[in-house]
Amino acid sequence: MVNHSPRRNLGSPKNASIWYLMVSLPGAVTLILLLGGYALDGLGSFAIGFVFWTVFSPGICVFPIVAGRQIYNLASRNFVPISSSTYIGIAILVGLYLWWGLAARFLMNMDG
């Protein structure tokens, strides 16, 4: 029997997983590199940096979780169509980037 259902392309712009991954992956990679830099300085520096950035930027937990879930969706060939909640989720992630940028700018200007 031939399957005549429309083929869902995982790389399609209509796949919500691609949009979430495209927005969250840069933040996840940046945060991993940031924490790696703290880890190279020692355990105390890592703990202080992790707690500090968790308070000032909740994206430290959100970006890697969102990116990991979307990689899982793509690996399991789970097509998630775009809906209005996708746009809201993307806007929240972009808001976290802005919050992160403002927190970093504020903290850099505190010294002088």
C-alpha atoms as a PDB file:
ATOM      1  CA  MET A   1       0.000   0.000   0.000  1.00  0.00           C
ATOM      2  CA  VAL A   2       1.323   3.438  -0.923  1.00  0.00           C
ATOM      3  CA  ASN A   3       1.291   6.200   1.648  1.00  0.00           C
ATOM      4  CA  HIS A   4      -0.231   9.293   0.014  1.00  0.00           C
ATOM      5  CA  SER A   5       0.013  11.551   3.066  1.00  0.00           C
ATOM      6  CA  PRO A   6       1.994  14.756   2.528  1.00  0.00           C
ATOM      7  CA  ARG A   7       5.659  14.361   3.339  1.00  0.00           C
ATOM      8  CA  ARG A   8       6.753  16.569   6.204  1.00  0.00           C
ATOM      9  CA  ASN A   9      10.122  18.132   5.667  1.00  0.00           C
ATOM     10  CA  LEU A  10      11.941  18.549   9.000  1.00  0.00           C
ATOM     11  CA  GLY A  11      13.985  21.439   7.594  1.00  0.00           C
ATOM     12  CA  SER A  12      10.862  23.305   6.561  1.00  0.00           C
ATOM     13  CA  PRO A  13      10.318  26.862   7.842  1.00  0.00           C
ATOM     14  CA  LYS A  14       6.930  25.599   9.028  1.00  0.00           C
ATOM     15  CA  ASN A  15       8.634  23.357  11.607  1.00  0.00           C
ATOM     16  CA  ALA A  16       8.573  25.027  15.040  1.00  0.00           C
ATOM     17  CA  SER A  17      11.557  22.977  16.224  1.00  0.00           C
ATOM     18  CA  ILE A  18      13.793  24.698  13.669  1.00  0.00           C
ATOM     19  CA  TRP A  19      12.727  28.132  14.899  1.00  0.00           C
ATOM     20  CA  TYR A  20      13.251  27.286  18.568  1.00  0.00           C
ATOM     21  CA  LEU A  21      16.626  25.708  17.818  1.00  0.00           C
ATOM     22  CA  MET A  22      17.702  28.670  15.683  1.00  0.00           C
ATOM     23  CA  VAL A  23      16.957  31.095  18.534  1.00  0.00           C
ATOM     24  CA  SER A  24      18.147  29.040  21.527  1.00  0.00           C
ATOM     25  CA  LEU A  25      21.324  27.372  20.228  1.00  0.00           C
ATOM     26  CA  PRO A  26      23.546  30.497  20.137  1.00  0.00           C
ATOM     27  CA  GLY A  27      22.633  31.291  23.746  1.00  0.00           C
ATOM     28  CA  ALA A  28      23.251  27.705  24.830  1.00  0.00           C
ATOM     29  CA  VAL A  29      26.687  27.603  23.192  1.00  0.00           C
ATOM     30  CA  THR A  30      27.649  31.020  24.590  1.00  0.00           C
ATOM     31  CA  LEU A  31      26.586  30.030  28.082  1.00  0.00           C
ATOM     32  CA  ILE A  32      28.472  26.738  27.901  1.00  0.00           C
ATOM     33  CA  LEU A  33      31.618  28.623  26.851  1.00  0.00           C
ATOM     34  CA  LEU A  34      31.080  31.182  29.613  1.00  0.00           C
ATOM     35  CA  LEU A  35      30.735  28.475  32.255  1.00  0.00           C
ATOM     36  CA  GLY A  36      33.722  26.642  30.767  1.00  0.00           C
ATOM     37  CA  GLY A  37      35.807  29.769  31.269  1.00  0.00           C
ATOM     38  CA  TYR A  38      34.719  29.942  34.889  1.00  0.00           C
ATOM     39  CA  ALA A  39      35.433  26.226  35.336  1.00  0.00           C
ATOM     40  CA  LEU A  40      39.007  26.686  34.117  1.00  0.00           C
ATOM     41  CA  ASP A  41      39.559  29.206  36.916  1.00  0.00           C
ATOM     42  CA  GLY A  42      38.606  26.656  39.577  1.00  0.00           C
ATOM     43  CA  LEU A  43      35.582  25.272  41.398  1.00  0.00           C
ATOM     44  CA  GLY A  44      35.032  28.384  43.524  1.00  0.00           C
ATOM     45  CA  SER A  45      35.008  30.667  40.499  1.00  0.00           C
ATOM     46  CA  PHE A  46      32.657  28.286  38.686  1.00  0.00           C
ATOM     47  CA  ALA A  47      30.193  28.174  41.607  1.00  0.00           C
ATOM     48  CA  ILE A  48      30.202  31.949  42.048  1.00  0.00           C
ATOM     49  CA  GLY A  49      29.833  32.549  38.303  1.00  0.00           C
ATOM     50  CA  PHE A  50      27.006  30.021  37.975  1.00  0.00           C
ATOM     51  CA  VAL A  51      25.012  31.442  40.894  1.00  0.00           C
ATOM     52  CA  PHE A  52      25.702  35.015  39.771  1.00  0.00           C
ATOM     53  CA  TRP A  53      24.554  34.482  36.177  1.00  0.00           C
ATOM     54  CA  THR A  54      21.587  32.340  37.243  1.00  0.00           C
ATOM     55  CA  VAL A  55      20.283  35.273  39.279  1.00  0.00           C
ATOM     56  CA  PHE A  56      20.927  37.916  36.612  1.00  0.00           C
ATOM     57  CA  SER A  57      20.109  35.789  33.569  1.00  0.00           C
ATOM     58  CA  PRO A  58      17.629  32.930  33.797  1.00  0.00           C
ATOM     59  CA  GLY A  59      18.635  32.062  30.236  1.00  0.00           C
ATOM     60  CA  ILE A  60      21.543  30.085  31.669  1.00  0.00           C
ATOM     61  CA  CYS A  61      19.035  27.313  32.369  1.00  0.00           C
ATOM     62  CA  VAL A  62      16.465  28.002  29.657  1.00  0.00           C
ATOM     63  CA  PHE A  63      18.610  28.114  26.497  1.00  0.00           C
ATOM     64  CA  PRO A  64      20.319  24.708  26.922  1.00  0.00           C
ATOM     65  CA  ILE A  65      17.030  23.032  27.891  1.00  0.00           C
ATOM     66  CA  VAL A  66      15.167  24.447  24.874  1.00  0.00           C
ATOM     67  CA  ALA A  67      18.030  23.614  22.502  1.00  0.00           C
ATOM     68  CA  GLY A  68      18.323  20.057  23.859  1.00  0.00           C
ATOM     69  CA  ARG A  69      14.587  19.438  23.508  1.00  0.00           C
ATOM     70  CA  GLN A  70      14.534  20.706  19.920  1.00  0.00           C
ATOM     71  CA  ILE A  71      17.550  18.598  18.970  1.00  0.00           C
ATOM     72  CA  TYR A  72      15.661  15.621  20.411  1.00  0.00           C
ATOM     73  CA  ASN A  73      12.562  16.541  18.371  1.00  0.00           C
ATOM     74  CA  LEU A  74      14.604  16.751  15.179  1.00  0.00           C
ATOM     75  CA  ALA A  75      16.502  13.522  15.905  1.00  0.00           C
ATOM     76  CA  SER A  76      13.242  11.646  16.531  1.00  0.00           C
ATOM     77  CA  ARG A  77      11.778  13.161  13.335  1.00  0.00           C
ATOM     78  CA  ASN A  78       8.998  14.804  15.320  1.00  0.00           C
ATOM     79  CA  PHE A  79       7.442  17.507  13.122  1.00  0.00           C
ATOM     80  CA  VAL A  80       5.974  20.308  15.235  1.00  0.00           C
ATOM     81  CA  PRO A  81       3.902  22.711  13.126  1.00  0.00           C
ATOM     82  CA  ILE A  82       4.118  26.434  13.802  1.00  0.00           C
ATOM     83  CA  SER A  83       1.256  27.897  15.802  1.00  0.00           C
ATOM     84  CA  SER A  84       0.606  31.176  17.587  1.00  0.00           C
ATOM     85  CA  SER A  85       2.246  29.770  20.725  1.00  0.00           C
ATOM     86  CA  THR A  86       5.456  29.283  18.707  1.00  0.00           C
ATOM     87  CA  TYR A  87       5.657  33.027  18.096  1.00  0.00           C
ATOM     88  CA  ILE A  88       5.062  33.708  21.791  1.00  0.00           C
ATOM     89  CA  GLY A  89       7.799  31.240  22.767  1.00  0.00           C
ATOM     90  CA  ILE A  90      10.252  32.811  20.325  1.00  0.00           C
ATOM     91  CA  ALA A  91       9.401  36.276  21.676  1.00  0.00           C
ATOM     92  CA  ILE A  92      10.098  35.056  25.226  1.00  0.00           C
ATOM     93  CA  LEU A  93      13.486  33.667  24.168  1.00  0.00           C
ATOM     94  CA  VAL A  94      14.371  36.945  22.435  1.00  0.00           C
ATOM     95  CA  GLY A  95      13.278  38.752  25.618  1.00  0.00           C
ATOM     96  CA  LEU A  96      15.693  36.573  27.599  1.00  0.00           C
ATOM     97  CA  TYR A  97      18.496  37.611  25.230  1.00  0.00           C
ATOM     98  CA  LEU A  98      17.617  41.270  25.828  1.00  0.00           C
ATOM     99  CA  TRP A  99      17.469  40.710  29.596  1.00  0.00           C
ATOM    100  CA  TRP A 100      20.845  38.994  29.450  1.00  0.00           C
ATOM    101  CA  GLY A 101      22.335  41.886  27.471  1.00  0.00           C
ATOM    102  CA  LEU A 102      20.924  44.513  29.834  1.00  0.00           C
ATOM    103  CA  ALA A 103      22.154  42.601  32.896  1.00  0.00           C
ATOM    104  CA  ALA A 104      25.634  42.281  31.389  1.00  0.00           C
ATOM    105  CA  ARG A 105      25.731  45.972  30.473  1.00  0.00           C
ATOM    106  CA  PHE A 106      24.548  46.981  33.947  1.00  0.00           C
ATOM    107  CA  LEU A 107      27.113  44.747  35.635  1.00  0.00           C
ATOM    108  CA  MET A 108      29.950  46.021  33.457  1.00  0.00           C
ATOM    109  CA  ASN A 109      29.072  49.642  34.309  1.00  0.00           C
ATOM    110  CA  MET A 110      28.931  48.997  38.068  1.00  0.00           C
ATOM    111  CA  ASP A 111      32.718  49.143  38.421  1.00  0.00           C
ATOM    112  CA  GLY A 112      33.127  52.701  37.340  1.00  0.00           C
END
